[in-house]
Amino acid sequence: MISLKRYVLYFLLIFISACSSIPKNTADGCSIFSERYIWYKHAKKTELKWGTPIYLQLAIIKMESDFDWLAKPERYKLFKVIPYKRPSSSFGYSQAVKGTWKQYKEETGNKYALRSRFKDSVDFIGWYTNKTEKILKISKKDAFRQYIAYHEGWGAYKNYKNKQKVIGLAKKVEKQSKKYKKQLNDCKSSLTTKKYIIF
């Protein structure tokens, strides 16, 4: 007979797995929110709080981690074989680095925020893009330039024209954000219909 402790642990593991697994089709915003409706609620809250469109939130996460909650940069390799240190402390959905994540927590008061939690990750993106708009005067609807600032940082943004790789990534984010925008527009009625979420 299974003990109560094991029974609770079993369902806890199922719950964690269900909440953190990668959606089946990360290129389709409607499909993502169909699987993770609570994610839509979090993204919508971020949009209302910071003014960052949902499609931009998703496009940044798509590029940064492809919705992998445990994503990390690949390690450098010594002699092309031996795993070495990682190029940065980026982690989670948003791939925020430790220093910027610490600043986010201090400025927002969200001291228990986790980079591996979608709710906190989209709020971080909202906070970051909002600061980008204030510091660099870049509209939150400008996915191309917002992503460059996200990738390079506010201080290094001015030098992006010399970095073709970053420009290429930003173009992909811009293209994906337009796709998400159209998709979410098509399924808007189903997303805004009241649904019950049981946890």
Protein backbone atom coordinates (compact mmCIF):
# COMPACT_ATOMS: atom_id res chain seq x y z
CA MET A 1 0.00 0.00 0.00
CA ILE A 2 1.36 3.42 -1.01
CA SER A 3 1.98 5.74 1.91
CA LEU A 4 0.38 9.18 1.97
CA LYS A 5 3.81 10.81 1.70
CA ARG A 6 4.67 8.88 -1.46
CA TYR A 7 1.22 9.56 -2.89
CA VAL A 8 1.62 13.31 -2.40
CA LEU A 9 5.16 13.24 -3.80
CA TYR A 10 3.98 11.32 -6.87
CA PHE A 11 1.32 13.88 -7.75
CA LEU A 12 3.68 16.74 -6.96
CA LEU A 13 6.14 15.41 -9.52
CA ILE A 14 3.37 15.06 -12.10
CA PHE A 15 2.27 18.63 -11.38
CA ILE A 16 5.79 20.04 -11.72
CA SER A 17 6.36 18.10 -14.92
CA ALA A 18 3.09 19.31 -16.42
CA CYS A 19 3.77 22.93 -15.54
CA SER A 20 7.36 23.06 -16.70
CA SER A 21 7.51 20.83 -19.78
CA ILE A 22 8.06 22.55 -23.13
CA PRO A 23 4.88 23.17 -25.18
CA LYS A 24 4.53 20.98 -28.28
CA ASN A 25 4.44 23.83 -30.80
CA THR A 26 6.43 26.82 -29.58
CA ALA A 27 6.06 28.61 -32.92
CA ASP A 28 2.30 29.03 -32.45
CA GLY A 29 1.05 31.37 -29.75
CA CYS A 30 -2.46 29.92 -29.76
CA SER A 31 -1.09 26.40 -29.38
CA ILE A 32 1.14 27.48 -26.49
CA PHE A 33 -1.72 29.07 -24.58
CA SER A 34 -4.05 26.20 -25.42
CA GLU A 35 -1.66 23.91 -23.51
CA ARG A 36 -0.76 26.46 -20.84
CA TYR A 37 -3.75 28.73 -20.32
CA ILE A 38 -2.31 30.01 -17.03
CA TRP A 39 0.64 31.30 -19.09
CA TYR A 40 -1.78 33.47 -21.03
CA LYS A 41 -3.06 34.94 -17.76
CA HIS A 42 0.51 35.74 -16.68
CA ALA A 43 1.44 37.23 -20.08
CA LYS A 44 -1.74 39.31 -20.13
CA LYS A 45 -1.01 40.60 -16.63
CA THR A 46 2.48 41.61 -17.78
CA GLU A 47 1.02 43.40 -20.79
CA LEU A 48 -1.35 45.38 -18.58
CA LYS A 49 1.33 46.11 -15.98
CA TRP A 50 4.26 47.11 -18.20
CA GLY A 51 2.66 47.71 -21.61
CA THR A 52 4.73 45.00 -23.26
CA PRO A 53 2.68 43.20 -25.94
CA ILE A 54 2.19 39.47 -25.40
CA TYR A 55 3.57 38.72 -28.84
CA LEU A 56 6.86 40.42 -27.94
CA GLN A 57 7.10 38.53 -24.65
CA LEU A 58 6.69 35.24 -26.50
CA ALA A 59 9.08 36.17 -29.31
CA ILE A 60 11.85 37.00 -26.83
CA ILE A 61 11.35 33.74 -24.93
CA LYS A 62 11.20 31.79 -28.19
CA MET A 63 14.58 33.17 -29.23
CA GLU A 64 16.22 33.00 -25.81
CA SER A 65 15.21 29.55 -24.56
CA ASP A 66 12.52 28.15 -26.88
CA PHE A 67 10.39 27.85 -23.72
CA ASP A 68 12.84 25.56 -21.92
CA TRP A 69 12.60 26.46 -18.22
CA LEU A 70 16.07 25.02 -17.52
CA ALA A 71 17.86 26.48 -20.55
CA LYS A 72 21.52 27.47 -20.13
CA PRO A 73 24.20 28.56 -22.61
CA GLU A 74 26.31 25.72 -23.94
CA ARG A 75 29.67 25.29 -22.26
CA TYR A 76 32.90 26.29 -23.96
CA LYS A 77 35.00 23.27 -24.90
CA LEU A 78 38.72 22.94 -24.40
CA PHE A 79 40.39 21.37 -27.42
CA LYS A 80 36.86 21.12 -28.88
CA VAL A 81 36.14 18.16 -26.60
CA ILE A 82 36.45 18.87 -22.87
CA PRO A 83 33.44 20.76 -21.38
CA TYR A 84 34.54 24.04 -19.80
CA LYS A 85 32.72 26.99 -18.19
CA ARG A 86 29.62 28.61 -19.67
CA PRO A 87 29.91 31.99 -21.46
CA SER A 88 27.39 33.64 -19.12
CA SER A 89 25.07 33.09 -16.15
CA SER A 90 21.96 33.17 -18.38
CA PHE A 91 19.25 30.79 -17.22
CA GLY A 92 15.58 29.94 -17.59
CA TYR A 93 12.84 31.09 -19.93
CA SER A 94 14.13 34.65 -20.29
CA GLN A 95 17.85 33.77 -20.14
CA ALA A 96 18.33 36.62 -17.69
CA VAL A 97 21.82 36.85 -16.20
CA LYS A 98 22.28 36.88 -12.42
CA GLY A 99 23.17 40.57 -12.14
CA THR A 100 20.19 41.85 -14.14
CA TRP A 101 17.85 39.42 -12.40
CA LYS A 102 19.05 40.74 -9.04
CA GLN A 103 18.38 44.31 -10.20
CA TYR A 104 14.90 43.29 -11.35
CA LYS A 105 14.07 41.73 -7.98
CA GLU A 106 15.34 44.76 -6.08
CA GLU A 107 13.48 47.29 -8.22
CA THR A 108 10.19 45.39 -8.33
CA GLY A 109 10.20 43.94 -4.82
CA ASN A 110 9.62 40.48 -6.30
CA LYS A 111 12.28 38.97 -4.03
CA TYR A 112 11.16 35.35 -4.48
CA ALA A 113 11.17 35.50 -8.29
CA LEU A 114 12.67 32.51 -10.11
CA ARG A 115 14.17 32.48 -13.58
CA SER A 116 12.71 29.01 -14.11
CA ARG A 117 9.14 30.23 -13.52
CA PHE A 118 7.16 31.54 -16.50
CA LYS A 119 5.22 34.05 -14.42
CA ASP A 120 8.38 35.74 -13.18
CA SER A 121 10.11 35.48 -16.56
CA VAL A 122 7.45 37.40 -18.47
CA ASP A 123 7.28 39.99 -15.68
CA PHE A 124 11.06 40.38 -16.01
CA ILE A 125 10.71 40.89 -19.77
CA GLY A 126 8.01 43.49 -19.14
CA TRP A 127 10.23 45.29 -16.64
CA TYR A 128 13.25 45.14 -18.96
CA THR A 129 11.47 46.34 -22.10
CA ASN A 130 9.82 49.12 -20.11
CA LYS A 131 13.23 50.34 -18.92
CA THR A 132 14.51 50.06 -22.50
CA GLU A 133 11.71 52.35 -23.63
CA LYS A 134 12.61 54.88 -20.92
CA ILE A 135 16.39 54.70 -21.32
CA LEU A 136 16.73 54.29 -25.10
CA LYS A 137 13.36 55.67 -26.25
CA ILE A 138 12.53 52.42 -28.06
CA SER A 139 8.84 51.62 -28.39
CA LYS A 140 7.71 48.34 -26.88
CA LYS A 141 6.11 47.60 -30.24
CA ASP A 142 9.51 47.74 -31.96
CA ALA A 143 10.49 44.09 -31.60
CA PHE A 144 13.68 44.48 -33.65
CA ARG A 145 15.31 47.21 -31.58
CA GLN A 146 13.85 45.99 -28.28
CA TYR A 147 15.48 42.60 -28.78
CA ILE A 148 18.85 44.14 -29.62
CA ALA A 149 18.70 46.11 -26.35
CA TYR A 150 17.62 42.92 -24.55
CA HIS A 151 20.49 40.91 -26.01
CA GLU A 152 23.23 43.53 -25.80
CA GLY A 153 22.21 45.50 -22.72
CA TRP A 154 21.36 49.20 -22.47
CA GLY A 155 24.97 50.34 -22.42
CA ALA A 156 26.19 48.32 -25.41
CA TYR A 157 23.09 48.93 -27.54
CA LYS A 158 24.69 51.80 -29.48
CA ASN A 159 27.33 49.46 -30.96
CA TYR A 160 24.93 46.89 -32.40
CA LYS A 161 25.36 48.00 -36.03
CA ASN A 162 28.77 46.39 -36.02
CA LYS A 163 27.33 43.03 -34.97
CA GLN A 164 25.71 41.24 -37.88
CA LYS A 165 24.91 38.14 -35.82
CA VAL A 166 22.86 40.18 -33.33
CA ILE A 167 21.07 41.97 -36.17
CA GLY A 168 20.21 38.57 -37.66
CA LEU A 169 18.77 37.36 -34.36
CA ALA A 170 16.76 40.55 -33.95
CA LYS A 171 15.27 40.12 -37.42
CA LYS A 172 14.15 36.61 -36.45
CA VAL A 173 12.54 37.94 -33.26
CA GLU A 174 10.77 40.64 -35.27
CA LYS A 175 9.48 38.08 -37.76
CA GLN A 176 8.34 35.70 -35.02
CA SER A 177 6.64 38.50 -33.08
CA LYS A 178 4.58 39.35 -36.17
CA LYS A 179 3.55 35.70 -36.49
CA TYR A 180 2.57 35.53 -32.83
CA LYS A 181 0.62 38.77 -33.17
CA LYS A 182 -1.42 37.41 -36.09
CA GLN A 183 -1.96 34.04 -34.41
CA LEU A 184 -3.11 35.57 -31.14
CA ASN A 185 -5.41 37.90 -33.00
CA ASP A 186 -7.04 34.88 -34.66
CA CYS A 187 -7.66 33.05 -31.36
CA LYS A 188 -8.35 36.15 -29.26
CA SER A 189 -11.98 35.25 -28.61
CA SER A 190 -11.12 31.83 -27.19
CA LEU A 191 -8.35 33.25 -25.00
CA THR A 192 -10.55 35.95 -23.50
CA THR A 193 -13.38 33.51 -22.75
CA LYS A 194 -13.51 32.86 -19.01
CA LYS A 195 -11.89 29.58 -18.10
CA TYR A 196 -11.51 27.81 -14.81
CA ILE A 197 -8.02 26.88 -13.71
CA ILE A 198 -7.65 24.19 -11.08
CA PHE A 199 -4.42 23.93 -9.07
